[in-house]
Amino acid sequence: MIIIHAEMKVNREVEAEFLESVQELIEASCAEEGNISYKLLKDTNQDDTYLMVEQWKDQEAVGAHNASSHFQAFVAKAPKYLTAPLHVQAFTGQPISK
């Protein structure tokens, strides 16, 4: 499993528009084959900071997602919403059985 954390610093003046646009990305990404989870979390310590937490079946699924039209459309609009470059980290993982 591939886990991606994408931290976004959002311009407060366009935050509502960002949330509308990112919701479209989330819905389309969740429908992709190979997607396990795609969630947007808001930082409780920094009002302008959001974290996208993604889980993908494998690297092939990540590649397909990155090439998708909905992801590319969001990336093209992102500079309008963000006050700093994306900070992206990727990890490999596996579920832990209890």
C-alpha atoms as a PDB file:
ATOM      1  CA  MET A   1       0.000   0.000   0.000  1.00  0.00           C
ATOM      2  CA  ILE A   2       1.182   3.535  -0.794  1.00  0.00           C
ATOM      3  CA  ILE A   3       0.277   6.310   1.647  1.00  0.00           C
ATOM      4  CA  ILE A   4       0.616   9.933   0.569  1.00  0.00           C
ATOM      5  CA  HIS A   5       0.454  13.047   2.741  1.00  0.00           C
ATOM      6  CA  ALA A   6       0.059  16.295   0.797  1.00  0.00           C
ATOM      7  CA  GLU A   7       0.155  19.406   2.985  1.00  0.00           C
ATOM      8  CA  MET A   8      -1.491  22.493   1.527  1.00  0.00           C
ATOM      9  CA  LYS A   9      -1.312  26.072   2.835  1.00  0.00           C
ATOM     10  CA  VAL A  10      -4.520  27.697   1.580  1.00  0.00           C
ATOM     11  CA  ASN A  11      -5.142  31.380   0.970  1.00  0.00           C
ATOM     12  CA  ARG A  12      -8.021  32.240   3.329  1.00  0.00           C
ATOM     13  CA  GLU A  13      -9.522  34.641   0.779  1.00  0.00           C
ATOM     14  CA  VAL A  14     -10.256  31.737  -1.601  1.00  0.00           C
ATOM     15  CA  GLU A  15     -10.725  28.967   0.965  1.00  0.00           C
ATOM     16  CA  ALA A  16     -14.404  28.360   0.103  1.00  0.00           C
ATOM     17  CA  GLU A  17     -13.561  28.028  -3.590  1.00  0.00           C
ATOM     18  CA  PHE A  18     -10.653  25.700  -2.702  1.00  0.00           C
ATOM     19  CA  LEU A  19     -12.960  23.477  -0.644  1.00  0.00           C
ATOM     20  CA  GLU A  20     -15.455  23.248  -3.509  1.00  0.00           C
ATOM     21  CA  SER A  21     -12.740  22.402  -6.029  1.00  0.00           C
ATOM     22  CA  VAL A  22     -10.986  19.901  -3.783  1.00  0.00           C
ATOM     23  CA  GLN A  23     -14.303  18.133  -3.078  1.00  0.00           C
ATOM     24  CA  GLU A  24     -14.593  17.368  -6.794  1.00  0.00           C
ATOM     25  CA  LEU A  25     -11.057  15.942  -6.701  1.00  0.00           C
ATOM     26  CA  ILE A  26     -11.867  13.809  -3.649  1.00  0.00           C
ATOM     27  CA  GLU A  27     -15.049  12.351  -5.164  1.00  0.00           C
ATOM     28  CA  ALA A  28     -13.369  11.479  -8.471  1.00  0.00           C
ATOM     29  CA  SER A  29     -10.281  10.073  -6.741  1.00  0.00           C
ATOM     30  CA  CYS A  30     -12.320   7.845  -4.426  1.00  0.00           C
ATOM     31  CA  ALA A  31     -13.967   6.316  -7.510  1.00  0.00           C
ATOM     32  CA  GLU A  32     -10.613   5.338  -9.033  1.00  0.00           C
ATOM     33  CA  GLU A  33      -9.583   1.712  -9.209  1.00  0.00           C
ATOM     34  CA  GLY A  34      -6.787   1.148  -6.715  1.00  0.00           C
ATOM     35  CA  ASN A  35      -7.924   3.866  -4.300  1.00  0.00           C
ATOM     36  CA  ILE A  36      -8.328   2.741  -0.699  1.00  0.00           C
ATOM     37  CA  SER A  37      -8.932   6.127   0.920  1.00  0.00           C
ATOM     38  CA  TYR A  38      -8.692   9.829   0.005  1.00  0.00           C
ATOM     39  CA  LYS A  39      -9.403  12.258   2.848  1.00  0.00           C
ATOM     40  CA  LEU A  40      -8.862  15.960   3.454  1.00  0.00           C
ATOM     41  CA  LEU A  41      -8.060  16.940   7.040  1.00  0.00           C
ATOM     42  CA  LYS A  42      -7.837  20.466   8.458  1.00  0.00           C
ATOM     43  CA  ASP A  43      -4.987  21.281  10.833  1.00  0.00           C
ATOM     44  CA  THR A  44      -6.370  22.380  14.214  1.00  0.00           C
ATOM     45  CA  ASN A  45      -3.228  24.387  15.046  1.00  0.00           C
ATOM     46  CA  GLN A  46      -2.859  26.266  11.745  1.00  0.00           C
ATOM     47  CA  ASP A  47      -6.118  27.602  10.273  1.00  0.00           C
ATOM     48  CA  ASP A  48      -4.771  27.832   6.733  1.00  0.00           C
ATOM     49  CA  THR A  49      -3.321  24.303   6.579  1.00  0.00           C
ATOM     50  CA  TYR A  50      -4.936  21.176   5.159  1.00  0.00           C
ATOM     51  CA  LEU A  51      -3.562  17.656   4.785  1.00  0.00           C
ATOM     52  CA  MET A  52      -4.696  15.284   2.058  1.00  0.00           C
ATOM     53  CA  VAL A  53      -4.176  11.717   3.263  1.00  0.00           C
ATOM     54  CA  GLU A  54      -4.323   9.202   0.429  1.00  0.00           C
ATOM     55  CA  GLN A  55      -4.070   5.415   0.452  1.00  0.00           C
ATOM     56  CA  TRP A  56      -3.487   3.524  -2.781  1.00  0.00           C
ATOM     57  CA  LYS A  57      -3.269  -0.179  -3.607  1.00  0.00           C
ATOM     58  CA  ASP A  58       0.124   0.164  -5.318  1.00  0.00           C
ATOM     59  CA  GLN A  59       2.428   2.473  -7.258  1.00  0.00           C
ATOM     60  CA  GLU A  60       0.562   1.728 -10.485  1.00  0.00           C
ATOM     61  CA  ALA A  61      -2.627   3.155  -8.933  1.00  0.00           C
ATOM     62  CA  VAL A  62      -0.723   6.283  -7.842  1.00  0.00           C
ATOM     63  CA  GLY A  63       0.607   6.734 -11.373  1.00  0.00           C
ATOM     64  CA  ALA A  64      -2.855   6.383 -12.885  1.00  0.00           C
ATOM     65  CA  HIS A  65      -4.211   8.898 -10.368  1.00  0.00           C
ATOM     66  CA  ASN A  66      -1.446  11.418 -11.100  1.00  0.00           C
ATOM     67  CA  ALA A  67      -2.212  11.142 -14.831  1.00  0.00           C
ATOM     68  CA  SER A  68      -5.997  11.417 -14.386  1.00  0.00           C
ATOM     69  CA  SER A  69      -7.836  14.400 -15.829  1.00  0.00           C
ATOM     70  CA  HIS A  70      -9.410  15.344 -12.470  1.00  0.00           C
ATOM     71  CA  PHE A  71      -6.032  15.368 -10.714  1.00  0.00           C
ATOM     72  CA  GLN A  72      -4.372  17.334 -13.523  1.00  0.00           C
ATOM     73  CA  ALA A  73      -7.245  19.852 -13.485  1.00  0.00           C
ATOM     74  CA  PHE A  74      -6.816  20.390  -9.745  1.00  0.00           C
ATOM     75  CA  VAL A  75      -3.025  20.745 -10.065  1.00  0.00           C
ATOM     76  CA  ALA A  76      -3.554  23.418 -12.737  1.00  0.00           C
ATOM     77  CA  LYS A  77      -5.829  25.393 -10.365  1.00  0.00           C
ATOM     78  CA  ALA A  78      -3.778  24.825  -7.195  1.00  0.00           C
ATOM     79  CA  PRO A  79      -1.543  27.925  -7.485  1.00  0.00           C
ATOM     80  CA  LYS A  80      -4.691  30.058  -7.270  1.00  0.00           C
ATOM     81  CA  TYR A  81      -5.501  28.532  -3.860  1.00  0.00           C
ATOM     82  CA  LEU A  82      -2.124  27.919  -2.253  1.00  0.00           C
ATOM     83  CA  THR A  83       0.210  30.350  -0.504  1.00  0.00           C
ATOM     84  CA  ALA A  84       3.165  27.917  -0.483  1.00  0.00           C
ATOM     85  CA  PRO A  85       4.307  24.942  -2.556  1.00  0.00           C
ATOM     86  CA  LEU A  86       2.735  21.587  -1.766  1.00  0.00           C
ATOM     87  CA  HIS A  87       4.675  19.534   0.737  1.00  0.00           C
ATOM     88  CA  VAL A  88       4.224  15.907  -0.317  1.00  0.00           C
ATOM     89  CA  GLN A  89       5.493  12.785   1.442  1.00  0.00           C
ATOM     90  CA  ALA A  90       4.936   9.189   0.292  1.00  0.00           C
ATOM     91  CA  PHE A  91       5.220   6.058   2.401  1.00  0.00           C
ATOM     92  CA  THR A  92       4.770   2.330   1.942  1.00  0.00           C
ATOM     93  CA  GLY A  93       2.686   0.500   4.486  1.00  0.00           C
ATOM     94  CA  GLN A  94       0.492  -2.421   5.275  1.00  0.00           C
ATOM     95  CA  PRO A  95      -2.511  -2.907   7.539  1.00  0.00           C
ATOM     96  CA  ILE A  96      -1.764  -4.178  11.031  1.00  0.00           C
ATOM     97  CA  SER A  97      -3.916  -7.112  12.147  1.00  0.00           C
ATOM     98  CA  LYS A  98      -5.045  -7.043  15.753  1.00  0.00           C
END
